[in-house]
Amino acid sequence: MNSRRILILFLVSILSVSICLGSAVRREDLAELMKQSVVSLETSFHGYEQIQPWRNKALTQSHAHACAVGEYEVLTTAWNVANLAHVKALRYGQNEFIGAKIKLIDYETNLCLIQLDPNAMAEPLKPIVFSEDYAKGAEVDFYWLSSDNNIYNGRAYLDRARLRKARASYEKRLHYVVANTSRQTSTGQLYCMGGKPIGIACWSNSSMEAGLVPAELINAFLAAAAKGEYKGFGAAGFAVSELLDPAMRSFLKMPASLKDGVYVSDVYTIGTASDVLRQGDVILAIGGMRLNSYGRFEHAGYGQLDFEHLITTRNVGEELTFEIFRDGREMTVKADVKNFNADEMLVPYHEYDRQPEYIVTGGFILQKLTREFLEQWGDDWEGKVSPHMYHYYRDFAYKPTAERSDIVILSYVLPSPMSLGYKDLGQIVVSKVNGMKIRSISDVLAARKLNPGAAYDVIEFEMDKPAVVLRRDQLPTADAFISRNYGVTKLQNINP
């Protein structure tokens, strides 16, 4: 009996070792295959200063990672190439860099397709095919080509699937979260499960966790890109809050039998369903998927996910059905899936790859308010900036209208002979210029041409702030002074 038990244990141990060896061989084989499918990117970027928007930031070089999705096309995260000035690629076994350029970028999906110069390559790359398999708790491997032209890999575990904002995006998207990474993950590194590519890294933290843009989003992005006219994916045009309080449900006249549904706390002027939902509606289902009181639905593969996933995975132009409770009864409304560029927001979440919009007149710096500008106040900027400016960002960022598409601010005043007495003004919102209501920053230029016979330009502000009065005949001299003493080589920038 004991001999039999010892024999069984011996055989089990041999089998375990065989499995481990087989696993190791598969990893080595995969690492060998990756040599023709992963590349290293050398990027240069600069962007613009927000406080002095006429100035470029210093040119900075960095490295990123990408993987082949075509013979001469590679995929990386959008964040890797934000404010890009130049990019070139390095492939395994080739010392010379390969010329590259951005073919398509989507900051909300956080993906970028880069075209490589085929004339600089001895042979094409081997494209990766992404698998949408998902197994919570599974062991995963990640691979990358380093800047010294060596293939490296690491290990982690697939921990969960969650919706969260990418660093470059205003909208939440699906991410896989991996835990216990064997080494720090860099964005763009390729992750595999069971030998199959499942996503690329898009963030990491000090707790040895990393986030992946999953295959589901990558495949949809590549399919949309292949159509030639990329329209992107949906964005929610409303905000919700949990609906747990029985008293609130009673106030909304919801029957006791109706346990689920989430409260529409705000409706935007842009995005999906902004034209069919009302504040106070209760959303019961989106696209046939029931929502609970927290605004989540049960996904067959990932478990509970936030409702945004039902919108952000739809192509722009698709029709989406909302089952809602309104005015004491259930009803169904239909909405076309829509999205929007960040610069369409009243307070843009970002303006990558573009110079900030501004006008300098007599030392007064008028700018378009953006989230990037507000972030110049550093950590916890929400409590450091002007409450009035923050109010526009918090409450109206997603609500541009025909009457107002920008928030124009006087950010600060450069000392000059014309600005004496005004030096302490700043972080205030412009209301009118020469009596004209300012709807966008381009309106400032139009307003300065009004009343050509008038002696003064008058800038008025919200919150009963004192008006600024500028003598028109002194402006050319004042602007020359500003340009000479503060290096303002370009007095205005209005993007087309």
Protein backbone atom coordinates (compact mmCIF):
# COMPACT_ATOMS: atom_id res chain seq x y z
CA MET A 1 0.00 0.00 0.00
CA ASN A 2 2.76 2.37 0.96
CA SER A 3 4.77 1.41 -2.13
CA ARG A 4 1.77 2.17 -4.35
CA ARG A 5 1.30 5.58 -2.67
CA ILE A 6 4.98 6.40 -3.14
CA LEU A 7 4.75 5.41 -6.80
CA ILE A 8 1.69 7.58 -7.35
CA LEU A 9 3.34 10.57 -5.67
CA PHE A 10 6.45 10.02 -7.78
CA LEU A 11 4.41 9.95 -11.00
CA VAL A 12 2.50 13.09 -9.99
CA SER A 13 5.77 14.89 -9.29
CA ILE A 14 7.16 13.85 -12.67
CA LEU A 15 3.97 15.08 -14.37
CA SER A 16 4.19 18.40 -12.54
CA VAL A 17 7.78 18.90 -13.62
CA SER A 18 6.83 18.03 -17.22
CA ILE A 19 4.03 20.59 -17.18
CA CYS A 20 6.36 23.25 -15.79
CA LEU A 21 9.00 22.46 -18.40
CA GLY A 22 6.39 22.53 -21.14
CA SER A 23 5.25 25.93 -19.90
CA ALA A 24 8.82 27.21 -19.92
CA VAL A 25 9.35 25.96 -23.48
CA ARG A 26 6.19 27.69 -24.63
CA ARG A 27 7.38 30.96 -23.11
CA GLU A 28 10.75 30.64 -24.81
CA ASP A 29 9.09 29.85 -28.12
CA LEU A 30 6.80 32.83 -27.73
CA ALA A 31 9.69 35.12 -26.83
CA GLU A 32 11.43 33.95 -30.01
CA LEU A 33 8.32 34.71 -32.08
CA MET A 34 8.05 38.14 -30.50
CA LYS A 35 11.35 39.17 -32.04
CA GLN A 36 9.53 39.84 -35.30
CA SER A 37 6.42 41.37 -33.76
CA VAL A 38 7.42 43.88 -31.08
CA VAL A 39 9.31 47.13 -31.61
CA SER A 40 10.79 49.88 -29.51
CA LEU A 41 9.82 53.49 -30.23
CA GLU A 42 11.99 56.52 -29.69
CA THR A 43 9.79 59.58 -29.36
CA SER A 44 10.41 63.30 -29.12
CA PHE A 45 7.72 65.64 -27.85
CA HIS A 46 7.32 69.16 -26.58
CA GLY A 47 3.82 70.62 -26.37
CA TYR A 48 3.21 74.15 -25.16
CA GLU A 49 3.39 75.87 -21.83
CA GLN A 50 -0.04 76.65 -20.44
CA ILE A 51 0.86 79.76 -18.45
CA GLN A 52 2.94 81.17 -21.33
CA PRO A 53 1.08 79.59 -24.26
CA TRP A 54 3.26 81.25 -26.89
CA ARG A 55 6.19 79.11 -25.75
CA ASN A 56 7.04 75.52 -26.58
CA LYS A 57 8.11 73.25 -23.77
CA ALA A 58 11.64 71.93 -24.00
CA LEU A 59 11.97 69.06 -26.46
CA THR A 60 12.01 65.80 -24.50
CA GLN A 61 13.00 62.35 -25.65
CA SER A 62 11.46 59.15 -24.39
CA HIS A 63 11.06 55.48 -25.22
CA ALA A 64 7.85 53.54 -25.68
CA HIS A 65 6.76 50.11 -26.83
CA ALA A 66 4.58 48.87 -29.67
CA CYS A 67 3.55 45.66 -31.41
CA ALA A 68 2.90 44.86 -35.04
CA VAL A 69 -0.71 44.78 -36.24
CA GLY A 70 0.28 44.89 -39.90
CA GLU A 71 3.42 44.19 -41.87
CA TYR A 72 4.37 47.87 -41.63
CA GLU A 73 2.00 49.11 -38.91
CA VAL A 74 2.46 49.02 -35.14
CA LEU A 75 0.11 49.76 -32.27
CA THR A 76 0.87 51.70 -29.09
CA THR A 77 -1.06 53.82 -26.61
CA ALA A 78 -2.13 57.34 -27.54
CA TRP A 79 -0.53 58.65 -24.35
CA ASN A 80 2.89 57.50 -25.63
CA VAL A 81 2.71 59.93 -28.55
CA ALA A 82 0.76 62.89 -27.14
CA ASN A 83 2.23 66.20 -28.36
CA LEU A 84 4.56 64.24 -30.62
CA ALA A 85 7.29 66.04 -32.53
CA HIS A 86 9.08 63.01 -33.99
CA VAL A 87 8.97 59.22 -33.75
CA LYS A 88 11.17 56.42 -35.06
CA ALA A 89 11.14 52.68 -34.48
CA LEU A 90 13.72 50.03 -33.69
CA ARG A 91 13.12 46.37 -34.54
CA TYR A 92 14.99 43.31 -33.33
CA GLY A 93 18.25 42.60 -35.13
CA GLN A 94 18.32 45.91 -37.03
CA ASN A 95 20.63 48.63 -35.73
CA GLU A 96 19.27 51.40 -37.92
CA PHE A 97 16.13 53.21 -36.84
CA ILE A 98 13.02 53.04 -39.03
CA GLY A 99 11.17 56.20 -39.98
CA ALA A 100 7.61 56.34 -38.65
CA LYS A 101 4.56 58.58 -38.54
CA ILE A 102 1.16 58.56 -36.88
CA LYS A 103 -1.54 57.08 -39.07
CA LEU A 104 -4.46 57.26 -36.63
CA ILE A 105 -4.80 58.31 -33.01
CA ASP A 106 -7.79 58.10 -30.64
CA TYR A 107 -7.12 59.62 -27.23
CA GLU A 108 -10.40 58.40 -25.74
CA THR A 109 -9.69 54.76 -26.61
CA ASN A 110 -6.00 55.46 -25.83
CA LEU A 111 -4.75 53.76 -28.97
CA CYS A 112 -2.51 54.91 -31.78
CA LEU A 113 -1.69 53.28 -35.11
CA ILE A 114 1.79 54.10 -36.44
CA GLN A 115 2.96 53.59 -40.02
CA LEU A 116 6.56 52.45 -40.51
CA ASP A 117 8.66 53.22 -43.57
CA PRO A 118 8.80 49.94 -45.56
CA ASN A 119 11.86 51.15 -47.48
CA ALA A 120 13.85 51.18 -44.23
CA MET A 121 13.01 47.53 -43.42
CA ALA A 122 14.70 44.43 -44.80
CA GLU A 123 11.54 42.38 -44.26
CA PRO A 124 8.03 43.00 -42.97
CA LEU A 125 6.96 42.48 -39.37
CA LYS A 126 4.76 39.57 -38.31
CA PRO A 127 1.38 40.96 -37.22
CA ILE A 128 -0.08 40.10 -33.84
CA VAL A 129 -3.61 38.67 -33.69
CA PHE A 130 -5.35 39.63 -30.44
CA SER A 131 -7.51 37.11 -28.61
CA GLU A 132 -10.54 38.26 -26.63
CA ASP A 133 -10.22 35.36 -24.18
CA TYR A 134 -10.45 36.37 -20.53
CA ALA A 135 -9.87 34.20 -17.45
CA LYS A 136 -9.82 35.90 -14.08
CA GLY A 137 -6.81 34.78 -12.06
CA ALA A 138 -4.90 33.39 -15.03
CA GLU A 139 -1.14 33.80 -15.28
CA VAL A 140 -0.05 36.21 -18.00
CA ASP A 141 3.29 37.10 -19.58
CA PHE A 142 4.39 40.39 -21.04
CA TYR A 143 7.02 41.07 -23.68
CA TRP A 144 8.87 44.04 -25.06
CA LEU A 145 11.87 45.05 -27.11
CA SER A 146 14.22 47.27 -25.11
CA SER A 147 16.09 50.26 -26.48
CA ASP A 148 19.27 48.12 -26.43
CA ASN A 149 17.60 45.72 -28.91
CA ASN A 150 16.94 42.80 -26.56
CA ILE A 151 13.69 40.94 -25.94
CA TYR A 152 12.57 40.85 -22.30
CA ASN A 153 9.56 39.39 -20.57
CA GLY A 154 7.79 39.39 -17.22
CA ARG A 155 4.89 37.66 -15.48
CA ALA A 156 1.72 38.72 -13.68
CA TYR A 157 -1.81 37.57 -12.93
CA LEU A 158 -5.03 38.70 -14.58
CA ASP A 159 -6.88 40.13 -11.61
CA ARG A 160 -10.05 41.88 -12.81
CA ALA A 161 -11.79 43.88 -15.53
CA ARG A 162 -12.87 47.43 -14.72
CA LEU A 163 -13.87 50.66 -16.43
CA ARG A 164 -11.58 53.59 -15.72
CA LYS A 165 -10.31 56.74 -17.37
CA ALA A 166 -7.09 56.60 -19.30
CA ARG A 167 -4.63 59.36 -18.52
CA ALA A 168 -5.39 60.98 -21.87
CA SER A 169 -9.18 60.63 -21.86
CA TYR A 170 -12.31 62.22 -20.42
CA GLU A 171 -14.23 58.94 -20.87
CA LYS A 172 -14.04 55.64 -18.98
CA ARG A 173 -13.07 52.58 -21.01
CA LEU A 174 -12.64 48.89 -20.25
CA HIS A 175 -9.26 47.93 -18.79
CA TYR A 176 -7.88 44.61 -17.67
CA VAL A 177 -6.04 44.98 -14.37
CA VAL A 178 -3.09 42.66 -13.78
CA ALA A 179 -1.48 42.19 -10.37
CA ASN A 180 1.86 41.05 -8.95
CA THR A 181 3.85 42.04 -12.01
CA SER A 182 7.34 40.59 -11.77
CA ARG A 183 8.81 43.92 -12.87
CA GLN A 184 7.57 47.44 -13.55
CA THR A 185 5.38 47.61 -16.63
CA SER A 186 5.82 50.29 -19.31
CA THR A 187 3.06 51.47 -21.61
CA GLY A 188 2.74 49.65 -24.89
CA GLN A 189 4.18 46.34 -23.66
CA LEU A 190 2.37 43.30 -25.05
CA TYR A 191 0.53 40.98 -22.63
CA CYS A 192 -0.31 37.35 -23.43
CA MET A 193 -2.40 34.68 -21.73
CA GLY A 194 -1.78 31.06 -22.65
CA GLY A 195 0.41 32.22 -25.50
CA LYS A 196 -2.31 34.45 -26.97
CA PRO A 197 -1.97 38.27 -27.03
CA ILE A 198 -4.78 39.85 -24.94
CA GLY A 199 -3.84 43.52 -24.64
CA ILE A 200 -1.20 46.24 -24.31
CA ALA A 201 -0.18 47.99 -21.11
CA CYS A 202 -1.52 51.51 -20.60
CA TRP A 203 -0.64 52.29 -16.96
CA SER A 204 1.12 50.90 -13.91
CA ASN A 205 1.48 51.83 -10.26
CA SER A 206 3.80 51.32 -7.31
CA SER A 207 1.66 48.43 -6.04
CA MET A 208 2.90 46.31 -8.97
CA GLU A 209 -0.42 46.54 -10.74
CA ALA A 210 -0.84 47.43 -14.39
CA GLY A 211 -3.74 48.22 -16.69
CA LEU A 212 -4.23 46.87 -20.19
CA VAL A 213 -6.16 48.15 -23.16
CA PRO A 214 -7.88 44.81 -23.83
CA ALA A 215 -8.20 42.93 -27.10
CA GLU A 216 -11.89 43.78 -27.28
CA LEU A 217 -11.11 47.48 -27.69
CA ILE A 218 -8.03 46.91 -29.83
CA ASN A 219 -9.87 44.72 -32.35
CA ALA A 220 -12.74 47.20 -32.57
CA PHE A 221 -10.27 50.07 -33.10
CA LEU A 222 -8.41 48.20 -35.84
CA ALA A 223 -11.65 47.17 -37.55
CA ALA A 224 -12.89 50.78 -37.52
CA ALA A 225 -9.53 52.03 -38.79
CA ALA A 226 -9.62 49.53 -41.68
CA LYS A 227 -12.85 51.12 -42.96
CA GLY A 228 -10.89 54.23 -43.92
CA GLU A 229 -13.22 56.82 -42.35
CA TYR A 230 -12.65 56.50 -38.63
CA LYS A 231 -15.55 57.83 -36.56
CA GLY A 232 -14.67 56.34 -33.19
CA PHE A 233 -16.93 55.00 -30.48
CA GLY A 234 -19.72 56.29 -28.31
CA ALA A 235 -19.45 58.59 -25.31
CA ALA A 236 -22.12 59.05 -22.64
CA GLY A 237 -24.09 62.27 -22.84
CA PHE A 238 -25.31 62.15 -19.25
CA ALA A 239 -24.26 61.44 -15.67
CA VAL A 240 -25.92 59.14 -13.14
CA SER A 241 -26.06 58.68 -9.39
CA GLU A 242 -26.97 55.58 -7.41
CA LEU A 243 -30.63 55.06 -6.55
CA LEU A 244 -30.69 53.24 -3.23
CA ASP A 245 -32.96 55.41 -1.07
CA PRO A 246 -36.54 54.01 -0.87
CA ALA A 247 -37.82 57.52 -0.17
CA MET A 248 -36.31 58.76 -3.43
CA ARG A 249 -37.86 55.86 -5.34
CA SER A 250 -41.19 56.68 -3.75
CA PHE A 251 -40.80 60.35 -4.71
CA LEU A 252 -40.20 59.24 -8.31
CA LYS A 253 -43.43 57.17 -8.10
CA MET A 254 -41.60 53.94 -8.81
CA PRO A 255 -43.52 50.78 -7.87
CA ALA A 256 -42.08 48.66 -5.06
CA SER A 257 -41.64 45.78 -7.49
CA LEU A 258 -39.13 47.81 -9.53
CA LYS A 259 -35.90 47.28 -7.62
CA ASP A 260 -33.27 48.20 -10.21
CA GLY A 261 -32.46 51.31 -12.21
CA VAL A 262 -30.08 54.25 -11.82
CA TYR A 263 -30.93 57.96 -11.50
CA VAL A 264 -30.01 60.44 -14.26
CA SER A 265 -28.47 63.28 -12.27
CA ASP A 266 -27.36 65.43 -15.21
CA VAL A 267 -27.80 65.59 -18.98
CA TYR A 268 -25.13 67.13 -21.21
CA THR A 269 -25.49 68.94 -24.52
CA ILE A 270 -23.09 66.53 -26.26
CA GLY A 271 -22.76 62.75 -26.33
CA THR A 272 -25.04 59.73 -26.61
CA ALA A 273 -28.65 60.19 -25.37
CA SER A 274 -28.11 63.87 -24.51
CA ASP A 275 -31.04 64.61 -26.80
CA VAL A 276 -33.48 62.01 -25.43
CA LEU A 277 -32.85 61.75 -21.68
CA ARG A 278 -33.97 64.18 -19.00
CA GLN A 279 -32.62 64.90 -15.56
CA GLY A 280 -34.74 62.85 -13.14
CA ASP A 281 -35.17 59.88 -15.48
CA VAL A 282 -34.36 56.42 -14.16
CA ILE A 283 -32.47 54.20 -16.62
CA LEU A 284 -33.64 50.60 -16.29
CA ALA A 285 -31.71 49.08 -19.20
CA ILE A 286 -29.39 50.03 -22.06
CA GLY A 287 -29.31 47.88 -25.16
CA GLY A 288 -31.35 45.25 -23.38
CA MET A 289 -28.95 44.98 -20.42
CA ARG A 290 -30.56 45.69 -17.04
CA LEU A 291 -28.83 48.20 -14.76
CA ASN A 292 -28.78 47.87 -10.99
CA SER A 293 -29.12 50.73 -8.53
CA TYR A 294 -25.40 51.52 -8.85
CA GLY A 295 -25.53 51.86 -12.65
CA ARG A 296 -23.86 48.51 -13.32
CA PHE A 297 -24.86 45.53 -15.43
CA GLU A 298 -23.85 41.89 -15.41
CA HIS A 299 -21.38 41.11 -18.19
CA ALA A 300 -21.17 37.45 -19.18
CA GLY A 301 -17.36 37.41 -19.10
CA TYR A 302 -16.27 40.21 -16.78
CA GLY A 303 -18.94 40.26 -14.09
CA GLN A 304 -20.37 43.63 -13.08
CA LEU A 305 -19.33 46.61 -15.22
CA ASP A 306 -20.34 50.27 -15.24
CA PHE A 307 -23.03 51.24 -17.75
CA GLU A 308 -20.60 53.27 -19.89
CA HIS A 309 -19.30 50.04 -21.40
CA LEU A 310 -22.64 49.60 -23.17
CA ILE A 311 -22.06 52.93 -24.93
CA THR A 312 -18.30 53.16 -25.43
CA THR A 313 -18.15 49.81 -27.27
CA ARG A 314 -20.71 50.96 -29.87
CA ASN A 315 -19.73 52.49 -33.18
CA VAL A 316 -20.79 56.06 -33.81
CA GLY A 317 -24.05 56.09 -35.75
CA GLU A 318 -25.50 52.89 -34.29
CA GLU A 319 -28.93 53.03 -32.69
CA LEU A 320 -29.14 52.27 -28.97
CA THR A 321 -32.27 51.58 -26.95
CA PHE A 322 -32.81 52.98 -23.44
CA GLU A 323 -35.53 51.57 -21.20
CA ILE A 324 -36.39 54.28 -18.69
CA PHE A 325 -38.87 55.23 -15.98
CA ARG A 326 -40.25 58.74 -16.42
CA ASP A 327 -43.30 60.55 -15.04
CA GLY A 328 -44.62 57.47 -13.25
CA ARG A 329 -44.35 55.00 -16.13
CA GLU A 330 -41.90 52.84 -18.03
CA MET A 331 -41.04 53.74 -21.61
CA THR A 332 -38.44 53.12 -24.29
CA VAL A 333 -36.44 55.80 -26.09
CA LYS A 334 -33.88 55.39 -28.86
CA ALA A 335 -30.69 57.34 -29.35
CA ASP A 336 -28.01 57.47 -32.01
CA VAL A 337 -24.58 56.67 -30.63
CA LYS A 338 -22.49 59.86 -30.61
CA ASN A 339 -19.11 60.98 -29.40
CA PHE A 340 -17.23 64.26 -29.37
CA ASN A 341 -13.68 65.54 -29.50
CA ALA A 342 -12.31 66.94 -26.28
CA ASP A 343 -11.98 70.40 -27.85
CA GLU A 344 -15.76 70.47 -28.38
CA MET A 345 -16.27 70.60 -24.62
CA LEU A 346 -17.00 73.93 -22.97
CA VAL A 347 -13.89 73.33 -20.85
CA PRO A 348 -11.77 70.88 -22.90
CA TYR A 349 -10.33 67.94 -21.02
CA HIS A 350 -7.19 68.17 -23.15
CA GLU A 351 -5.90 69.82 -26.31
CA TYR A 352 -2.99 67.57 -27.25
CA ASP A 353 -1.07 68.28 -30.44
CA ARG A 354 -2.40 71.85 -30.59
CA GLN A 355 -1.12 75.19 -29.39
CA PRO A 356 -3.36 76.70 -26.66
CA GLU A 357 -5.62 79.51 -27.81
CA TYR A 358 -4.83 82.94 -26.39
CA ILE A 359 -4.70 86.66 -27.09
CA VAL A 360 -2.21 89.11 -25.58
CA THR A 361 -3.33 92.73 -25.60
CA GLY A 362 -1.56 95.47 -23.67
CA GLY A 363 -0.08 92.88 -21.29
CA PHE A 364 -3.44 91.25 -20.50
CA ILE A 365 -3.37 87.49 -21.18
CA LEU A 366 -6.74 86.22 -22.39
CA GLN A 367 -6.95 82.43 -22.70
CA LYS A 368 -9.38 79.64 -23.41
CA LEU A 369 -10.01 77.73 -20.19
CA THR A 370 -9.00 74.04 -20.34
CA ARG A 371 -8.37 71.30 -17.83
CA GLU A 372 -4.70 71.32 -18.81
CA PHE A 373 -4.51 74.99 -17.79
CA LEU A 374 -6.11 74.25 -14.42
CA GLU A 375 -3.67 71.40 -13.78
CA GLN A 376 -0.79 73.90 -13.73
CA TRP A 377 -1.65 74.49 -10.06
CA GLY A 378 -0.29 71.02 -9.29
CA ASP A 379 -1.66 68.36 -6.98
CA ASP A 380 -5.08 69.13 -5.52
CA TRP A 381 -5.49 71.89 -8.08
CA GLU A 382 -9.26 71.79 -7.57
CA GLY A 383 -8.83 73.66 -4.28
CA LYS A 384 -6.20 76.07 -5.55
CA VAL A 385 -7.75 77.58 -8.67
CA SER A 386 -10.42 80.27 -8.73
CA PRO A 387 -13.72 78.75 -7.49
CA HIS A 388 -15.54 80.42 -10.35
CA MET A 389 -13.28 78.80 -12.97
CA TYR A 390 -13.55 75.44 -11.23
CA HIS A 391 -17.34 75.82 -11.22
CA TYR A 392 -17.31 75.98 -15.02
CA TYR A 393 -15.10 72.89 -15.24
CA ARG A 394 -17.06 70.85 -12.69
CA ASP A 395 -20.61 71.80 -13.68
CA PHE A 396 -20.50 72.86 -17.33
CA ALA A 397 -17.53 71.17 -19.03
CA TYR A 398 -19.85 68.90 -21.06
CA LYS A 399 -22.41 71.60 -21.83
CA PRO A 400 -21.32 73.78 -24.73
CA THR A 401 -24.15 75.64 -26.44
CA ALA A 402 -24.62 77.82 -29.50
CA GLU A 403 -24.52 80.77 -27.12
CA ARG A 404 -21.24 79.71 -25.52
CA SER A 405 -18.64 77.29 -26.83
CA ASP A 406 -15.60 78.50 -24.81
CA ILE A 407 -14.87 79.97 -21.41
CA VAL A 408 -12.47 82.87 -21.94
CA ILE A 409 -10.47 84.01 -18.93
CA LEU A 410 -8.04 86.75 -18.03
CA SER A 411 -5.36 84.43 -16.69
CA TYR A 412 -2.95 87.12 -15.45
CA VAL A 413 -1.42 90.50 -16.31
CA LEU A 414 2.14 91.15 -17.44
CA PRO A 415 3.54 94.36 -15.91
CA SER A 416 3.70 97.13 -18.50
CA PRO A 417 3.03 100.88 -18.67
CA MET A 418 -0.52 100.12 -19.85
CA SER A 419 -1.31 97.59 -17.11
CA LEU A 420 -0.43 99.76 -14.12
CA GLY A 421 -3.07 99.31 -11.42
CA TYR A 422 -4.28 95.99 -12.86
CA LYS A 423 -1.39 93.72 -11.83
CA ASP A 424 -3.43 91.78 -9.24
CA LEU A 425 -6.17 90.75 -11.68
CA GLY A 426 -6.23 87.11 -12.75
CA GLN A 427 -8.21 83.86 -12.88
CA ILE A 428 -11.40 85.71 -13.81
CA VAL A 429 -13.92 84.95 -16.57
CA VAL A 430 -14.43 87.41 -19.43
CA SER A 431 -18.03 88.44 -20.00
CA LYS A 432 -17.92 91.13 -22.71
CA VAL A 433 -15.44 92.99 -24.88
CA ASN A 434 -16.56 96.38 -26.21
CA GLY A 435 -20.12 95.49 -25.24
CA MET A 436 -20.12 92.22 -27.21
CA LYS A 437 -20.95 89.02 -25.33
CA ILE A 438 -18.01 86.62 -25.63
CA ARG A 439 -19.11 83.15 -26.75
CA SER A 440 -15.68 81.91 -27.86
CA ILE A 441 -12.14 83.21 -27.84
CA SER A 442 -12.38 84.12 -31.53
CA ASP A 443 -15.15 86.56 -30.55
CA VAL A 444 -12.53 88.67 -28.78
CA LEU A 445 -10.88 89.45 -32.13
CA ALA A 446 -14.24 90.37 -33.66
CA ALA A 447 -15.14 92.55 -30.66
CA ARG A 448 -11.89 94.52 -30.91
CA LYS A 449 -12.95 95.64 -34.40
CA LEU A 450 -16.22 97.10 -33.14
CA ASN A 451 -16.73 100.85 -32.82
CA PRO A 452 -13.70 101.78 -34.95
CA GLY A 453 -13.99 105.41 -33.90
CA ALA A 454 -13.91 104.64 -30.16
CA ALA A 455 -10.86 105.59 -28.12
CA TYR A 456 -10.92 102.58 -25.81
CA ASP A 457 -11.22 98.81 -25.68
CA VAL A 458 -13.28 97.73 -22.67
CA ILE A 459 -13.05 94.23 -21.19
CA GLU A 460 -15.77 93.26 -18.71
CA PHE A 461 -15.81 90.27 -16.38
CA GLU A 462 -18.23 88.07 -14.50
CA MET A 463 -18.71 88.18 -10.71
CA ASP A 464 -18.74 92.01 -10.68
CA LYS A 465 -15.00 92.24 -11.19
CA PRO A 466 -13.73 95.67 -12.29
CA ALA A 467 -13.59 96.30 -16.02
CA VAL A 468 -10.32 96.87 -17.88
CA VAL A 469 -10.11 99.97 -20.07
CA LEU A 470 -7.34 100.14 -22.68
CA ARG A 471 -6.47 103.13 -24.85
CA ARG A 472 -6.42 101.90 -28.42
CA ASP A 473 -3.81 104.41 -29.59
CA GLN A 474 -1.38 103.09 -26.96
CA LEU A 475 -1.87 99.39 -27.70
CA PRO A 476 0.74 99.09 -30.52
CA THR A 477 3.42 100.57 -28.26
CA ALA A 478 2.33 98.43 -25.30
CA ASP A 479 2.30 95.25 -27.40
CA ALA A 480 5.79 96.03 -28.74
CA PHE A 481 6.95 96.51 -25.13
CA ILE A 482 5.44 93.16 -24.13
CA SER A 483 6.99 91.35 -27.10
CA ARG A 484 10.42 92.83 -26.47
CA ASN A 485 10.56 92.40 -22.69
CA TYR A 486 8.73 89.10 -22.23
CA GLY A 487 9.61 87.22 -25.40
CA VAL A 488 6.02 87.09 -26.66
CA THR A 489 6.86 86.50 -30.33
CA LYS A 490 3.25 85.72 -31.25
CA LEU A 491 0.54 87.91 -29.72
CA GLN A 492 -2.35 85.59 -30.49
CA ASN A 493 -3.24 82.07 -31.52
CA ILE A 494 -6.72 81.00 -32.60
CA ASN A 495 -6.92 77.43 -33.89
CA PRO A 496 -9.01 76.75 -37.01
